[in-house]
N, C-alpha and C. Protein backbone atom coordinates (compact mmCIF):
# COMPACT_ATOMS: atom_id res chain seq x y z
N MET A 1 133.07 112.43 120.42
CA MET A 1 132.95 111.32 119.51
C MET A 1 131.94 111.62 118.43
N GLY A 2 132.07 110.95 117.28
CA GLY A 2 131.17 111.15 116.15
C GLY A 2 129.85 110.41 116.34
N GLU A 3 128.95 110.68 115.42
CA GLU A 3 127.64 110.04 115.44
C GLU A 3 127.77 108.56 115.12
N SER A 4 127.08 107.73 115.88
CA SER A 4 127.11 106.28 115.67
C SER A 4 126.21 105.90 114.50
N LYS A 5 126.70 105.04 113.62
CA LYS A 5 125.92 104.54 112.49
C LYS A 5 125.28 103.21 112.90
N PRO A 6 123.99 102.99 112.55
CA PRO A 6 123.35 101.73 112.94
C PRO A 6 123.82 100.52 112.14
N PHE A 7 124.40 100.74 110.95
CA PHE A 7 124.88 99.65 110.11
C PHE A 7 126.27 99.99 109.60
N PRO A 8 127.15 99.00 109.47
CA PRO A 8 128.46 99.28 108.88
C PRO A 8 128.30 99.76 107.43
N VAL A 9 129.05 100.77 107.06
CA VAL A 9 129.00 101.27 105.69
C VAL A 9 130.04 100.55 104.86
N ASN A 10 129.92 100.65 103.53
CA ASN A 10 130.83 99.99 102.60
C ASN A 10 130.91 98.49 102.84
N ALA A 11 129.74 97.89 103.02
CA ALA A 11 129.66 96.44 103.25
C ALA A 11 128.59 95.87 102.33
N TRP A 12 128.63 94.56 102.12
CA TRP A 12 127.64 93.87 101.32
C TRP A 12 126.57 93.32 102.23
N TYR A 13 125.31 93.43 101.80
CA TYR A 13 124.19 92.89 102.55
C TYR A 13 123.33 92.06 101.61
N ALA A 14 122.91 90.89 102.05
CA ALA A 14 122.02 90.06 101.24
C ALA A 14 120.65 90.70 101.18
N ALA A 15 120.09 90.80 99.98
CA ALA A 15 118.78 91.43 99.80
C ALA A 15 117.70 90.41 99.49
N ALA A 16 118.06 89.32 98.82
CA ALA A 16 117.07 88.31 98.43
C ALA A 16 117.81 87.09 97.89
N TRP A 17 117.10 85.99 97.83
CA TRP A 17 117.61 84.81 97.15
C TRP A 17 117.46 85.03 95.66
N ASN A 18 118.29 84.40 94.87
CA ASN A 18 118.28 84.54 93.42
C ASN A 18 116.89 84.25 92.83
N TYR A 19 116.24 83.19 93.30
CA TYR A 19 114.94 82.80 92.74
C TYR A 19 113.82 83.80 93.07
N GLU A 20 114.02 84.65 94.07
CA GLU A 20 112.99 85.61 94.47
C GLU A 20 112.86 86.80 93.50
N ILE A 21 113.92 87.12 92.78
CA ILE A 21 113.93 88.32 91.95
C ILE A 21 113.51 87.96 90.53
N LYS A 22 112.38 88.51 90.14
CA LYS A 22 111.81 88.29 88.81
C LYS A 22 111.86 89.61 88.04
N ARG A 23 111.12 89.67 86.94
CA ARG A 23 111.08 90.90 86.13
C ARG A 23 110.29 92.01 86.83
N GLU A 24 109.31 91.66 87.67
CA GLU A 24 108.53 92.70 88.36
C GLU A 24 109.33 93.24 89.55
N LEU A 25 108.96 94.41 90.02
CA LEU A 25 109.65 95.05 91.13
C LEU A 25 109.40 94.28 92.42
N THR A 26 110.46 94.12 93.21
CA THR A 26 110.39 93.47 94.51
C THR A 26 110.91 94.45 95.55
N ALA A 27 110.04 94.89 96.44
CA ALA A 27 110.41 95.89 97.44
C ALA A 27 111.13 95.23 98.61
N ARG A 28 112.15 95.90 99.13
CA ARG A 28 112.89 95.46 100.30
C ARG A 28 113.31 96.69 101.11
N ARG A 29 113.51 96.49 102.40
CA ARG A 29 114.12 97.52 103.25
C ARG A 29 115.47 96.96 103.67
N ILE A 30 116.53 97.65 103.30
CA ILE A 30 117.89 97.19 103.60
C ILE A 30 118.60 98.30 104.36
N CYS A 31 119.00 97.99 105.56
CA CYS A 31 119.70 98.96 106.42
C CYS A 31 118.92 100.26 106.55
N GLY A 32 117.61 100.15 106.68
CA GLY A 32 116.78 101.33 106.87
C GLY A 32 116.44 102.09 105.59
N LYS A 33 116.88 101.59 104.44
CA LYS A 33 116.60 102.25 103.15
C LYS A 33 115.63 101.40 102.35
N ASP A 34 114.62 102.05 101.75
CA ASP A 34 113.67 101.34 100.89
C ASP A 34 114.25 101.24 99.48
N VAL A 35 114.32 100.01 98.97
CA VAL A 35 114.82 99.78 97.62
C VAL A 35 113.88 98.83 96.89
N VAL A 36 113.96 98.82 95.58
CA VAL A 36 113.25 97.84 94.76
C VAL A 36 114.30 97.10 93.93
N LEU A 37 114.09 95.81 93.79
CA LEU A 37 114.97 94.95 93.01
C LEU A 37 114.18 94.40 91.84
N TYR A 38 114.84 94.20 90.72
CA TYR A 38 114.19 93.59 89.57
C TYR A 38 115.25 92.94 88.69
N ARG A 39 114.82 92.07 87.82
CA ARG A 39 115.74 91.40 86.90
C ARG A 39 115.63 92.05 85.52
N ARG A 40 116.75 92.50 84.99
CA ARG A 40 116.78 93.13 83.67
C ARG A 40 116.61 92.09 82.59
N SER A 41 116.40 92.53 81.37
CA SER A 41 116.18 91.60 80.25
C SER A 41 117.40 90.73 79.98
N ASP A 42 118.60 91.18 80.38
CA ASP A 42 119.80 90.35 80.18
C ASP A 42 120.03 89.39 81.35
N GLY A 43 119.12 89.37 82.33
CA GLY A 43 119.22 88.44 83.45
C GLY A 43 119.90 88.98 84.69
N GLN A 44 120.56 90.12 84.56
CA GLN A 44 121.23 90.72 85.71
C GLN A 44 120.20 91.34 86.66
N VAL A 45 120.53 91.38 87.94
CA VAL A 45 119.65 92.00 88.93
C VAL A 45 120.07 93.45 89.10
N ALA A 46 119.07 94.32 89.21
CA ALA A 46 119.32 95.74 89.42
C ALA A 46 118.55 96.21 90.65
N ALA A 47 119.03 97.26 91.28
CA ALA A 47 118.38 97.82 92.46
C ALA A 47 118.27 99.33 92.29
N LEU A 48 117.13 99.85 92.73
CA LEU A 48 116.88 101.29 92.69
C LEU A 48 116.29 101.74 94.02
N GLU A 49 116.45 103.00 94.34
CA GLU A 49 115.78 103.54 95.51
C GLU A 49 114.27 103.47 95.26
N ASP A 50 113.51 103.06 96.27
CA ASP A 50 112.06 102.91 96.12
C ASP A 50 111.39 104.27 96.30
N ALA A 51 111.49 105.10 95.27
CA ALA A 51 110.90 106.43 95.32
C ALA A 51 110.56 106.89 93.90
N CYS A 52 109.36 107.39 93.74
CA CYS A 52 108.96 107.99 92.47
C CYS A 52 109.38 109.46 92.52
N TRP A 53 110.25 109.85 91.64
CA TRP A 53 110.76 111.22 91.68
C TRP A 53 109.73 112.23 91.22
N HIS A 54 108.65 111.79 90.58
CA HIS A 54 107.60 112.71 90.17
C HIS A 54 106.71 113.12 91.33
N ARG A 55 106.48 112.17 92.24
CA ARG A 55 105.56 112.43 93.36
C ARG A 55 106.21 112.25 94.71
N LEU A 56 107.46 111.81 94.73
CA LEU A 56 108.20 111.56 95.96
C LEU A 56 107.47 110.57 96.86
N LEU A 57 106.92 109.52 96.25
CA LEU A 57 106.25 108.44 96.96
C LEU A 57 106.88 107.10 96.55
N PRO A 58 106.70 106.07 97.37
CA PRO A 58 107.23 104.74 96.96
C PRO A 58 106.58 104.24 95.70
């Protein structure tokens, strides 16, 4: 048998309530992955991996 995954893949997961996401970065751990959420200038929410590629730190 194959390796068991702790979370279903290709699924939607709630990360925050709408009112929680502002212009500043909001850190979350979702399915074992560190991400940051923020609201763009057009009002849409965006998510990025919580890692600085220059120093490989959160």
